[in-house]
């Protein structure tokens, strides 16, 4: 049996308490986040027939007003993916009735959920008759990236799914939320200027 001196025991106990508090805070945050998003959920779209591919486009090609404004507040992760907070920037078709800056989730067939934000809207002429899938490859989610930082495997395959096992499954559902960060920032700027 190892005996700890009172100072070591106190430090160990303090570390355990701190870990418990952090776990409780994390669980509380996740619960509140879940409740918040449940309250602003707009619509769910079942996706049938997705090929599984998740293509990408360079954020440097996004020059239109809203797309550029969003990219100005986004960052690039280590894999070259563009994010706003913990949400991946993704282009989608017009079938989902969303606008640039709007929050949505992508549910995959393996149960994994990717938190996303609309970074661009695919042109109807490039999508199928339902305006969901890109005509030439069957993709319904096109990730916005810094192509200079993309891993070689992604560039070779042309598919973000190759980044990690969790992403390597077809999209089965798109969940949209009534929350748009660009609109919220605009409101806050209006309030601040009054």
N, C-alpha and C. Protein backbone atom coordinates (compact mmCIF):
# COMPACT_ATOMS: atom_id res chain seq x y z
N UNK A 1 0.84 -1.18 0.00
CA UNK A 1 0.00 0.00 0.00
C UNK A 1 0.88 1.24 0.00
N UNK A 2 0.56 2.16 -0.89
CA UNK A 2 1.32 3.40 -0.98
C UNK A 2 0.58 4.47 -0.20
N UNK A 3 1.29 5.11 0.68
CA UNK A 3 0.70 6.19 1.45
C UNK A 3 1.10 7.52 0.82
N UNK A 4 0.14 8.38 0.67
CA UNK A 4 0.40 9.69 0.13
C UNK A 4 0.50 10.69 1.26
N UNK A 5 1.41 11.61 1.13
CA UNK A 5 1.46 12.66 2.13
C UNK A 5 0.23 13.54 1.94
N UNK A 6 -0.16 14.30 2.95
CA UNK A 6 -1.38 15.11 2.84
C UNK A 6 -1.39 16.05 1.64
N UNK A 7 -0.24 16.59 1.27
CA UNK A 7 -0.19 17.52 0.14
C UNK A 7 -0.46 16.77 -1.16
N UNK A 8 0.16 15.57 -1.32
CA UNK A 8 -0.08 14.77 -2.52
C UNK A 8 -1.53 14.32 -2.61
N UNK A 9 -2.07 13.89 -1.49
CA UNK A 9 -3.47 13.45 -1.45
C UNK A 9 -4.40 14.60 -1.81
N UNK A 10 -4.11 15.79 -1.28
CA UNK A 10 -4.93 16.97 -1.58
C UNK A 10 -4.86 17.30 -3.08
N UNK A 11 -3.65 17.26 -3.64
CA UNK A 11 -3.47 17.57 -5.06
C UNK A 11 -4.20 16.54 -5.93
N UNK A 12 -4.11 15.26 -5.55
CA UNK A 12 -4.80 14.21 -6.30
C UNK A 12 -6.31 14.39 -6.20
N UNK A 13 -6.81 14.67 -5.02
CA UNK A 13 -8.23 14.88 -4.80
C UNK A 13 -8.71 16.11 -5.58
N UNK A 14 -7.92 17.16 -5.56
CA UNK A 14 -8.26 18.39 -6.29
C UNK A 14 -8.36 18.10 -7.79
N UNK A 15 -7.42 17.31 -8.32
CA UNK A 15 -7.44 16.96 -9.73
C UNK A 15 -8.69 16.13 -10.08
N UNK A 16 -9.07 15.21 -9.20
CA UNK A 16 -10.27 14.40 -9.43
C UNK A 16 -11.52 15.27 -9.41
N UNK A 17 -11.59 16.18 -8.47
CA UNK A 17 -12.75 17.08 -8.38
C UNK A 17 -12.82 17.95 -9.63
N UNK A 18 -11.67 18.47 -10.05
CA UNK A 18 -11.63 19.31 -11.25
C UNK A 18 -12.11 18.51 -12.47
N UNK A 19 -11.66 17.26 -12.59
CA UNK A 19 -12.08 16.41 -13.71
C UNK A 19 -13.59 16.15 -13.67
N UNK A 20 -14.14 15.92 -12.49
CA UNK A 20 -15.58 15.70 -12.34
C UNK A 20 -16.36 16.96 -12.73
N UNK A 21 -15.87 18.12 -12.31
CA UNK A 21 -16.53 19.38 -12.65
C UNK A 21 -16.49 19.59 -14.17
N UNK A 22 -15.33 19.34 -14.78
CA UNK A 22 -15.21 19.51 -16.23
C UNK A 22 -16.15 18.57 -16.97
N UNK A 23 -16.26 17.32 -16.51
CA UNK A 23 -17.18 16.36 -17.14
C UNK A 23 -18.63 16.81 -16.98
N UNK A 24 -18.97 17.30 -15.80
CA UNK A 24 -20.33 17.78 -15.56
C UNK A 24 -20.63 18.99 -16.43
N UNK A 25 -19.68 19.92 -16.53
CA UNK A 25 -19.87 21.10 -17.38
C UNK A 25 -20.03 20.70 -18.84
N UNK A 26 -19.22 19.77 -19.29
CA UNK A 26 -19.30 19.31 -20.68
C UNK A 26 -20.66 18.66 -20.94
N UNK A 27 -21.11 17.81 -20.03
CA UNK A 27 -22.42 17.16 -20.19
C UNK A 27 -23.54 18.18 -20.18
N UNK A 28 -23.45 19.17 -19.30
CA UNK A 28 -24.47 20.22 -19.23
C UNK A 28 -24.49 21.04 -20.52
N UNK A 29 -23.32 21.40 -21.02
CA UNK A 29 -23.23 22.15 -22.26
C UNK A 29 -23.85 21.36 -23.41
N UNK A 30 -23.49 20.09 -23.52
CA UNK A 30 -24.03 19.25 -24.60
C UNK A 30 -25.54 19.13 -24.50
N UNK A 31 -26.07 19.02 -23.27
CA UNK A 31 -27.52 18.92 -23.08
C UNK A 31 -28.20 20.23 -23.51
N UNK A 32 -27.62 21.36 -23.08
CA UNK A 32 -28.20 22.65 -23.44
C UNK A 32 -28.12 22.89 -24.94
N UNK A 33 -27.00 22.51 -25.54
CA UNK A 33 -26.86 22.65 -26.98
C UNK A 33 -27.91 21.82 -27.71
N UNK A 34 -28.12 20.59 -27.25
CA UNK A 34 -29.13 19.71 -27.84
C UNK A 34 -30.52 20.33 -27.73
N UNK A 35 -30.86 20.84 -26.55
CA UNK A 35 -32.17 21.48 -26.35
C UNK A 35 -32.32 22.70 -27.24
N UNK A 36 -31.25 23.50 -27.34
CA UNK A 36 -31.29 24.71 -28.16
C UNK A 36 -31.58 24.36 -29.61
N UNK A 37 -30.82 23.41 -30.15
CA UNK A 37 -31.00 23.06 -31.56
C UNK A 37 -32.33 22.36 -31.81
N UNK A 38 -32.83 21.62 -30.83
CA UNK A 38 -34.15 21.01 -30.98
C UNK A 38 -35.22 22.10 -31.13
N UNK A 39 -35.03 23.21 -30.44
CA UNK A 39 -36.01 24.30 -30.49
C UNK A 39 -35.96 25.09 -31.79
N UNK A 40 -34.83 25.05 -32.48
CA UNK A 40 -34.74 25.83 -33.72
C UNK A 40 -34.67 24.95 -34.96
N UNK A 41 -34.91 23.65 -34.79
CA UNK A 41 -34.89 22.73 -35.93
C UNK A 41 -35.99 23.14 -36.90
N UNK A 42 -35.64 23.24 -38.16
CA UNK A 42 -36.60 23.63 -39.18
C UNK A 42 -37.21 22.42 -39.88
N UNK A 43 -36.34 21.64 -40.48
CA UNK A 43 -36.84 20.56 -41.33
C UNK A 43 -35.80 19.44 -41.43
N UNK A 44 -36.29 18.23 -41.66
CA UNK A 44 -35.42 17.09 -41.90
C UNK A 44 -35.70 16.55 -43.29
N UNK A 45 -34.64 16.27 -44.02
CA UNK A 45 -34.75 15.74 -45.38
C UNK A 45 -34.08 14.38 -45.41
N UNK A 46 -34.84 13.34 -45.77
CA UNK A 46 -34.25 12.02 -45.96
C UNK A 46 -33.56 12.00 -47.31
N UNK A 47 -32.35 11.48 -47.33
CA UNK A 47 -31.57 11.40 -48.57
C UNK A 47 -31.50 9.93 -48.98
N UNK A 48 -31.98 9.67 -50.19
CA UNK A 48 -31.99 8.30 -50.70
C UNK A 48 -31.12 8.26 -51.95
N UNK A 49 -30.26 7.26 -52.01
CA UNK A 49 -29.46 7.05 -53.21
C UNK A 49 -28.17 7.84 -53.26
N UNK A 50 -27.67 8.29 -52.12
CA UNK A 50 -26.41 9.02 -52.12
C UNK A 50 -25.26 8.08 -52.41
N UNK A 51 -24.35 8.50 -53.25
CA UNK A 51 -23.21 7.67 -53.65
C UNK A 51 -22.19 7.49 -52.53
N UNK A 52 -22.21 8.38 -51.56
CA UNK A 52 -21.25 8.32 -50.47
C UNK A 52 -20.12 9.31 -50.64
N UNK A 53 -19.92 9.80 -51.85
CA UNK A 53 -18.83 10.75 -52.10
C UNK A 53 -19.17 12.12 -51.50
N UNK A 54 -18.14 12.75 -50.96
CA UNK A 54 -18.26 14.11 -50.43
C UNK A 54 -17.13 14.92 -51.05
N UNK A 55 -17.46 15.65 -52.09
CA UNK A 55 -16.44 16.38 -52.85
C UNK A 55 -16.05 17.66 -52.12
N UNK A 56 -15.22 18.46 -52.77
CA UNK A 56 -14.78 19.71 -52.15
C UNK A 56 -14.58 20.79 -53.20
N UNK A 57 -14.55 22.03 -52.71
CA UNK A 57 -14.23 23.18 -53.55
C UNK A 57 -13.38 24.14 -52.72
N UNK A 58 -12.54 24.89 -53.38
CA UNK A 58 -11.64 25.82 -52.71
C UNK A 58 -12.40 27.06 -52.24
N UNK A 59 -12.12 27.47 -51.02
CA UNK A 59 -12.77 28.68 -50.50
C UNK A 59 -12.30 29.93 -51.25
N UNK A 60 -11.16 29.84 -51.89
CA UNK A 60 -10.64 31.00 -52.63
C UNK A 60 -11.50 31.32 -53.86
N UNK A 61 -12.32 30.37 -54.30
CA UNK A 61 -13.20 30.59 -55.45
C UNK A 61 -14.50 31.29 -55.06
N UNK A 62 -14.73 31.44 -53.76
CA UNK A 62 -15.98 32.03 -53.28
C UNK A 62 -15.81 33.54 -53.15
N UNK A 63 -16.35 34.25 -54.12
CA UNK A 63 -16.15 35.71 -54.14
C UNK A 63 -17.45 36.50 -54.00
N UNK A 64 -18.59 35.81 -54.05
CA UNK A 64 -19.86 36.51 -53.88
C UNK A 64 -19.97 37.03 -52.44
N UNK A 65 -20.78 38.03 -52.25
CA UNK A 65 -20.87 38.76 -50.98
C UNK A 65 -21.02 37.86 -49.74
N UNK A 66 -22.09 37.08 -49.66
CA UNK A 66 -22.35 36.28 -48.45
C UNK A 66 -21.29 35.20 -48.27
N UNK A 67 -20.91 34.53 -49.35
CA UNK A 67 -19.91 33.48 -49.26
C UNK A 67 -18.58 34.03 -48.75
N UNK A 68 -18.18 35.18 -49.26
CA UNK A 68 -16.92 35.79 -48.84
C UNK A 68 -17.01 36.26 -47.40
N UNK A 69 -18.14 36.86 -47.02
CA UNK A 69 -18.32 37.30 -45.63
C UNK A 69 -18.17 36.13 -44.66
N UNK A 70 -18.76 34.99 -45.01
CA UNK A 70 -18.64 33.82 -44.14
C UNK A 70 -17.19 33.35 -44.07
N UNK A 71 -16.54 33.26 -45.22
CA UNK A 71 -15.16 32.78 -45.23
C UNK A 71 -14.22 33.70 -44.44
N UNK A 72 -14.56 34.98 -44.38
CA UNK A 72 -13.75 35.93 -43.60
C UNK A 72 -13.76 35.62 -42.10
N UNK A 73 -14.79 34.91 -41.62
CA UNK A 73 -14.86 34.59 -40.19
C UNK A 73 -14.59 33.11 -39.92
N UNK A 74 -14.23 32.38 -40.97
CA UNK A 74 -13.93 30.95 -40.82
C UNK A 74 -12.42 30.73 -40.69
N UNK A 75 -12.09 29.52 -40.26
CA UNK A 75 -10.69 29.12 -40.15
C UNK A 75 -10.51 27.78 -40.85
N UNK A 76 -9.25 27.45 -41.13
CA UNK A 76 -8.91 26.19 -41.76
C UNK A 76 -8.32 25.26 -40.71
N UNK A 77 -8.81 24.00 -40.67
CA UNK A 77 -8.25 23.03 -39.71
C UNK A 77 -7.00 22.38 -40.31
N UNK A 78 -6.41 21.46 -39.59
CA UNK A 78 -5.16 20.82 -40.01
C UNK A 78 -5.31 20.00 -41.29
N UNK A 79 -6.52 19.57 -41.61
CA UNK A 79 -6.78 18.78 -42.81
C UNK A 79 -7.21 19.62 -44.00
N UNK A 80 -7.23 20.95 -43.82
CA UNK A 80 -7.60 21.83 -44.92
C UNK A 80 -9.08 22.15 -45.00
N UNK A 81 -9.89 21.64 -44.06
CA UNK A 81 -11.33 21.90 -44.08
C UNK A 81 -11.61 23.26 -43.45
N UNK A 82 -12.55 23.98 -44.02
CA UNK A 82 -12.92 25.29 -43.51
C UNK A 82 -14.05 25.12 -42.49
N UNK A 83 -13.93 25.83 -41.35
CA UNK A 83 -14.91 25.73 -40.27
C UNK A 83 -15.27 27.09 -39.73
N UNK A 84 -16.52 27.18 -39.27
CA UNK A 84 -16.95 28.28 -38.42
C UNK A 84 -17.28 27.64 -37.08
N UNK A 85 -16.57 28.02 -36.03
CA UNK A 85 -16.65 27.35 -34.73
C UNK A 85 -16.41 25.85 -34.96
N UNK A 86 -17.37 25.01 -34.62
CA UNK A 86 -17.18 23.56 -34.80
C UNK A 86 -17.98 23.04 -35.99
N UNK A 87 -18.37 23.92 -36.89
CA UNK A 87 -19.20 23.53 -38.04
C UNK A 87 -18.42 23.63 -39.34
N UNK A 88 -18.48 22.54 -40.12
CA UNK A 88 -17.79 22.49 -41.39
C UNK A 88 -18.57 23.28 -42.44
N UNK A 89 -17.84 24.05 -43.25
CA UNK A 89 -18.46 24.80 -44.35
C UNK A 89 -18.72 23.84 -45.51
N UNK A 90 -19.97 23.81 -45.96
CA UNK A 90 -20.37 22.85 -46.98
C UNK A 90 -21.33 23.53 -47.96
N UNK A 91 -21.18 23.19 -49.24
CA UNK A 91 -22.12 23.65 -50.27
C UNK A 91 -23.19 22.59 -50.46
N UNK A 92 -24.42 23.04 -50.62
CA UNK A 92 -25.56 22.14 -50.84
C UNK A 92 -26.44 22.68 -51.96
N UNK A 93 -27.33 21.83 -52.45
CA UNK A 93 -28.27 22.23 -53.49
C UNK A 93 -29.43 23.05 -52.95
N UNK A 94 -30.19 23.61 -53.86
CA UNK A 94 -31.31 24.48 -53.48
C UNK A 94 -32.51 23.73 -52.92
N UNK A 95 -32.53 22.41 -53.02
CA UNK A 95 -33.66 21.62 -52.52
C UNK A 95 -33.90 21.82 -51.04
N UNK A 96 -32.87 22.21 -50.31
CA UNK A 96 -32.98 22.31 -48.85
C UNK A 96 -33.42 23.70 -48.37
N UNK A 97 -33.64 24.62 -49.31
CA UNK A 97 -34.14 25.96 -48.98
C UNK A 97 -33.30 26.66 -47.91
N UNK A 98 -31.99 26.57 -48.05
CA UNK A 98 -31.11 27.20 -47.07
C UNK A 98 -30.35 28.35 -47.72
N UNK A 99 -29.73 29.16 -46.87
CA UNK A 99 -28.92 30.27 -47.36
C UNK A 99 -27.53 30.21 -46.72
N UNK A 100 -26.59 30.89 -47.33
CA UNK A 100 -25.22 30.90 -46.82
C UNK A 100 -25.21 31.41 -45.38
N UNK A 101 -24.52 30.66 -44.52
CA UNK A 101 -24.43 31.01 -43.10
C UNK A 101 -25.39 30.23 -42.22
N UNK A 102 -26.31 29.48 -42.83
CA UNK A 102 -27.31 28.73 -42.07
C UNK A 102 -26.74 27.42 -41.54
N UNK A 103 -27.12 27.07 -40.32
CA UNK A 103 -26.66 25.84 -39.68
C UNK A 103 -27.48 24.64 -40.17
N UNK A 104 -26.80 23.51 -40.33
CA UNK A 104 -27.47 22.24 -40.62
C UNK A 104 -26.56 21.10 -40.20
N UNK A 105 -27.15 19.92 -40.06
CA UNK A 105 -26.39 18.72 -39.74
C UNK A 105 -26.55 17.72 -40.86
N UNK A 106 -25.50 16.93 -41.07
CA UNK A 106 -25.51 15.85 -42.05
C UNK A 106 -25.40 14.54 -41.28
N UNK A 107 -26.42 13.70 -41.39
CA UNK A 107 -26.39 12.39 -40.73
C UNK A 107 -25.98 11.34 -41.75
N UNK A 108 -25.01 10.51 -41.36
CA UNK A 108 -24.51 9.47 -42.25
C UNK A 108 -25.12 8.12 -41.89
N UNK A 109 -25.01 7.17 -42.80
CA UNK A 109 -25.61 5.84 -42.59
C UNK A 109 -24.99 5.08 -41.42
N UNK A 110 -23.79 5.47 -41.00
CA UNK A 110 -23.15 4.82 -39.86
C UNK A 110 -23.55 5.47 -38.53
N UNK A 111 -24.47 6.45 -38.59
CA UNK A 111 -24.95 7.12 -37.38
C UNK A 111 -24.17 8.37 -37.03
N UNK A 112 -23.03 8.61 -37.67
CA UNK A 112 -22.21 9.79 -37.38
C UNK A 112 -22.91 11.04 -37.91
N UNK A 113 -22.87 12.11 -37.12
CA UNK A 113 -23.49 13.38 -37.51
C UNK A 113 -22.39 14.43 -37.68
N UNK A 114 -22.38 15.08 -38.84
CA UNK A 114 -21.41 16.13 -39.13
C UNK A 114 -22.12 17.47 -38.98
N UNK A 115 -21.63 18.30 -38.06
CA UNK A 115 -22.19 19.65 -37.88
C UNK A 115 -21.68 20.54 -39.01
N UNK A 116 -22.60 21.21 -39.69
CA UNK A 116 -22.23 21.99 -40.87
C UNK A 116 -22.83 23.39 -40.84
N UNK A 117 -22.30 24.22 -41.71
CA UNK A 117 -22.84 25.54 -41.98
C UNK A 117 -22.79 25.70 -43.50
N UNK A 118 -23.83 26.29 -44.07
CA UNK A 118 -23.87 26.46 -45.53
C UNK A 118 -22.80 27.49 -45.92
N UNK A 119 -21.87 27.03 -46.75
CA UNK A 119 -20.81 27.91 -47.22
C UNK A 119 -21.02 28.37 -48.64
N UNK A 120 -21.87 27.66 -49.37
CA UNK A 120 -22.16 27.99 -50.75
C UNK A 120 -23.41 27.21 -51.16
N UNK A 121 -24.08 27.69 -52.19
CA UNK A 121 -25.26 27.02 -52.74
C UNK A 121 -24.90 26.54 -54.14
N UNK A 122 -25.14 25.25 -54.39
CA UNK A 122 -24.86 24.69 -55.71
C UNK A 122 -25.88 25.25 -56.72
N UNK A 123 -25.41 25.58 -57.89
CA UNK A 123 -26.28 26.08 -58.96
C UNK A 123 -27.18 24.95 -59.45
N UNK A 124 -28.45 25.27 -59.68
CA UNK A 124 -29.41 24.27 -60.16
C UNK A 124 -28.93 23.56 -61.43
N UNK A 125 -28.25 24.28 -62.30
CA UNK A 125 -27.79 23.66 -63.55
C UNK A 125 -26.74 22.58 -63.32
N UNK A 126 -26.11 22.58 -62.12
CA UNK A 126 -25.10 21.58 -61.81
C UNK A 126 -25.65 20.41 -61.00
N UNK A 127 -26.93 20.48 -60.64
CA UNK A 127 -27.52 19.43 -59.81
C UNK A 127 -28.61 18.67 -60.56
N UNK A 128 -29.04 17.57 -59.97
CA UNK A 128 -30.09 16.74 -60.58
C UNK A 128 -31.43 17.49 -60.60
N UNK A 129 -32.47 16.84 -61.11
CA UNK A 129 -33.78 17.50 -61.24
C UNK A 129 -34.39 17.88 -59.90
N UNK A 130 -33.96 17.22 -58.81
CA UNK A 130 -34.47 17.57 -57.48
C UNK A 130 -33.58 18.61 -56.78
N UNK A 131 -32.48 18.98 -57.42
CA UNK A 131 -31.51 19.96 -56.89
C UNK A 131 -30.89 19.51 -55.57
N UNK A 132 -30.60 18.20 -55.49
CA UNK A 132 -29.94 17.63 -54.31
C UNK A 132 -28.52 17.20 -54.64
N UNK A 133 -28.36 16.37 -55.68
CA UNK A 133 -27.08 15.76 -56.01
C UNK A 133 -26.41 16.47 -57.19
N UNK A 134 -25.09 16.60 -57.11
CA UNK A 134 -24.32 17.11 -58.24
C UNK A 134 -24.45 16.09 -59.38
N UNK A 135 -24.75 16.57 -60.58
CA UNK A 135 -25.01 15.68 -61.72
C UNK A 135 -23.85 14.73 -62.03
N UNK A 136 -22.64 15.23 -62.05
CA UNK A 136 -21.53 14.41 -62.56
C UNK A 136 -20.96 13.41 -61.55
N UNK A 137 -21.33 13.51 -60.26
CA UNK A 137 -20.74 12.55 -59.32
C UNK A 137 -21.68 12.06 -58.21
N UNK A 138 -22.90 12.56 -58.15
CA UNK A 138 -23.86 12.11 -57.15
C UNK A 138 -23.62 12.63 -55.74
N UNK A 139 -22.83 13.67 -55.62
CA UNK A 139 -22.49 14.25 -54.32
C UNK A 139 -23.60 15.20 -53.86
N UNK A 140 -23.97 15.12 -52.57
CA UNK A 140 -24.95 16.09 -52.06
C UNK A 140 -24.33 17.06 -51.05
N UNK A 141 -23.08 16.81 -50.65
CA UNK A 141 -22.36 17.72 -49.74
C UNK A 141 -20.98 17.99 -50.30
N UNK A 142 -20.71 19.25 -50.59
CA UNK A 142 -19.43 19.64 -51.16
C UNK A 142 -18.71 20.51 -50.12
N UNK A 143 -17.68 19.95 -49.50
CA UNK A 143 -16.97 20.63 -48.43
C UNK A 143 -16.12 21.76 -48.99
N UNK A 144 -16.05 22.85 -48.25
CA UNK A 144 -15.25 24.00 -48.64
C UNK A 144 -13.91 23.89 -47.92
N UNK A 145 -12.85 24.01 -48.70
CA UNK A 145 -11.52 23.69 -48.18
C UNK A 145 -10.48 24.72 -48.59
N UNK A 146 -9.34 24.63 -47.93
CA UNK A 146 -8.12 25.28 -48.40
C UNK A 146 -7.36 24.17 -49.13
N UNK A 147 -7.45 24.15 -50.44
CA UNK A 147 -6.91 23.03 -51.23
C UNK A 147 -5.39 22.89 -51.06
N UNK A 148 -4.72 23.95 -50.64
CA UNK A 148 -3.27 23.87 -50.43
C UNK A 148 -2.93 23.02 -49.21
N UNK A 149 -3.89 22.85 -48.29
CA UNK A 149 -3.63 22.10 -47.06
C UNK A 149 -4.28 20.71 -47.05
N UNK A 150 -4.98 20.35 -48.11
CA UNK A 150 -5.64 19.04 -48.15
C UNK A 150 -4.62 17.91 -48.19
N UNK A 151 -4.88 16.83 -47.46
CA UNK A 151 -4.00 15.66 -47.53
C UNK A 151 -4.01 15.06 -48.94
N UNK A 152 -2.92 14.40 -49.29
CA UNK A 152 -2.76 13.81 -50.62
C UNK A 152 -3.87 12.82 -50.94
N UNK A 153 -4.28 12.01 -49.93
CA UNK A 153 -5.32 11.00 -50.18
C UNK A 153 -6.64 11.64 -50.63
N UNK A 154 -6.95 12.79 -50.07
CA UNK A 154 -8.20 13.49 -50.45
C UNK A 154 -8.07 14.04 -51.86
N UNK A 155 -6.93 14.63 -52.17
CA UNK A 155 -6.72 15.16 -53.52
C UNK A 155 -6.76 14.04 -54.56
N UNK A 156 -6.15 12.92 -54.24
CA UNK A 156 -6.11 11.79 -55.17
C UNK A 156 -7.50 11.22 -55.42
N UNK A 157 -8.28 11.03 -54.35
CA UNK A 157 -9.61 10.43 -54.47
C UNK A 157 -10.69 11.45 -54.81
N UNK A 158 -10.43 12.73 -54.51
CA UNK A 158 -11.44 13.76 -54.75
C UNK A 158 -12.61 13.65 -53.78
N UNK A 159 -12.34 13.05 -52.61
CA UNK A 159 -13.42 12.72 -51.68
C UNK A 159 -12.99 12.99 -50.23
N UNK A 160 -13.71 13.85 -49.55
CA UNK A 160 -13.44 14.17 -48.14
C UNK A 160 -13.66 12.93 -47.26
N UNK A 161 -14.47 12.00 -47.70
CA UNK A 161 -14.74 10.78 -46.92
C UNK A 161 -13.47 10.01 -46.57
N UNK A 162 -12.42 10.19 -47.35
CA UNK A 162 -11.18 9.47 -47.10
C UNK A 162 -10.39 10.03 -45.92
N UNK A 163 -10.83 11.16 -45.37
CA UNK A 163 -10.12 11.77 -44.24
C UNK A 163 -10.19 10.92 -42.97
N UNK A 164 -11.36 10.37 -42.71
CA UNK A 164 -11.50 9.58 -41.49
C UNK A 164 -12.63 8.56 -41.65
N UNK A 165 -12.56 7.52 -40.86
CA UNK A 165 -13.54 6.43 -40.95
C UNK A 165 -14.97 6.92 -40.70
N UNK A 166 -15.13 7.86 -39.75
CA UNK A 166 -16.47 8.36 -39.43
C UNK A 166 -17.16 9.00 -40.64
N UNK A 167 -16.39 9.67 -41.49
CA UNK A 167 -16.95 10.35 -42.66
C UNK A 167 -17.26 9.40 -43.81
N UNK A 168 -16.72 8.20 -43.76
CA UNK A 168 -16.79 7.27 -44.89
C UNK A 168 -18.10 6.47 -44.91
N UNK A 169 -19.20 7.19 -45.14
CA UNK A 169 -20.52 6.57 -45.23
C UNK A 169 -21.44 7.52 -45.99
N UNK A 170 -22.45 6.97 -46.66
CA UNK A 170 -23.38 7.83 -47.40
C UNK A 170 -24.22 8.73 -46.48
N UNK A 171 -24.62 9.87 -47.00
CA UNK A 171 -25.53 10.77 -46.30
C UNK A 171 -26.93 10.17 -46.35
N UNK A 172 -27.60 10.12 -45.20
CA UNK A 172 -28.98 9.61 -45.16
C UNK A 172 -29.99 10.68 -44.74
N UNK A 173 -29.48 11.78 -44.16
CA UNK A 173 -30.41 12.81 -43.70
C UNK A 173 -29.70 14.16 -43.62
N UNK A 174 -30.44 15.21 -43.99
CA UNK A 174 -30.00 16.60 -43.80
C UNK A 174 -31.01 17.22 -42.84
N UNK A 175 -30.50 17.81 -41.76
CA UNK A 175 -31.35 18.46 -40.75
C UNK A 175 -31.02 19.95 -40.77
N UNK A 176 -32.01 20.77 -41.09
CA UNK A 176 -31.77 22.21 -41.17
C UNK A 176 -32.25 22.90 -39.90
N UNK A 177 -31.59 24.03 -39.59
CA UNK A 177 -31.92 24.80 -38.40
C UNK A 177 -32.25 26.24 -38.78
N UNK A 178 -33.12 26.83 -38.01
CA UNK A 178 -33.52 28.22 -38.21
C UNK A 178 -32.51 29.13 -37.50
N UNK A 179 -31.26 29.02 -37.94
CA UNK A 179 -30.21 29.85 -37.36
C UNK A 179 -29.18 30.12 -38.44
N UNK A 180 -28.90 31.39 -38.67
CA UNK A 180 -27.95 31.80 -39.69
C UNK A 180 -26.99 32.78 -39.04
N UNK A 181 -25.72 32.42 -38.98
CA UNK A 181 -24.73 33.25 -38.29
C UNK A 181 -24.56 34.61 -38.97
N UNK A 182 -24.67 34.68 -40.28
CA UNK A 182 -24.53 35.97 -40.96
C UNK A 182 -25.68 36.90 -40.60
N UNK A 183 -26.89 36.35 -40.54
CA UNK A 183 -28.05 37.17 -40.13
C UNK A 183 -27.91 37.62 -38.68
N UNK A 184 -27.45 36.72 -37.81
CA UNK A 184 -27.27 37.07 -36.40
C UNK A 184 -26.21 38.16 -36.23
N UNK A 185 -25.12 38.06 -36.95
CA UNK A 185 -24.07 39.08 -36.88
C UNK A 185 -24.57 40.41 -37.39
N UNK A 186 -25.38 40.37 -38.45
CA UNK A 186 -25.95 41.59 -39.00
C UNK A 186 -26.88 42.27 -38.00
N UNK A 187 -27.73 41.45 -37.33
CA UNK A 187 -28.61 42.00 -36.30
C UNK A 187 -27.82 42.65 -35.18
N UNK A 188 -26.78 41.95 -34.73
CA UNK A 188 -25.96 42.46 -33.64
C UNK A 188 -25.25 43.77 -34.03
N UNK A 189 -24.81 43.87 -35.29
CA UNK A 189 -24.18 45.10 -35.75
C UNK A 189 -25.18 46.24 -35.78
N UNK A 190 -26.43 45.93 -36.17
CA UNK A 190 -27.48 46.97 -36.19
C UNK A 190 -27.76 47.47 -34.77
N UNK A 191 -27.85 46.55 -33.83
CA UNK A 191 -28.11 46.92 -32.43
C UNK A 191 -26.96 47.74 -31.87
N UNK A 192 -25.75 47.37 -32.23
CA UNK A 192 -24.56 48.06 -31.72
C UNK A 192 -24.46 49.49 -32.26
N UNK A 193 -24.96 49.69 -33.50
CA UNK A 193 -24.85 51.02 -34.09
C UNK A 193 -25.97 51.95 -33.66
N UNK A 194 -27.00 51.44 -33.02
CA UNK A 194 -28.13 52.30 -32.58
C UNK A 194 -27.87 52.95 -31.27
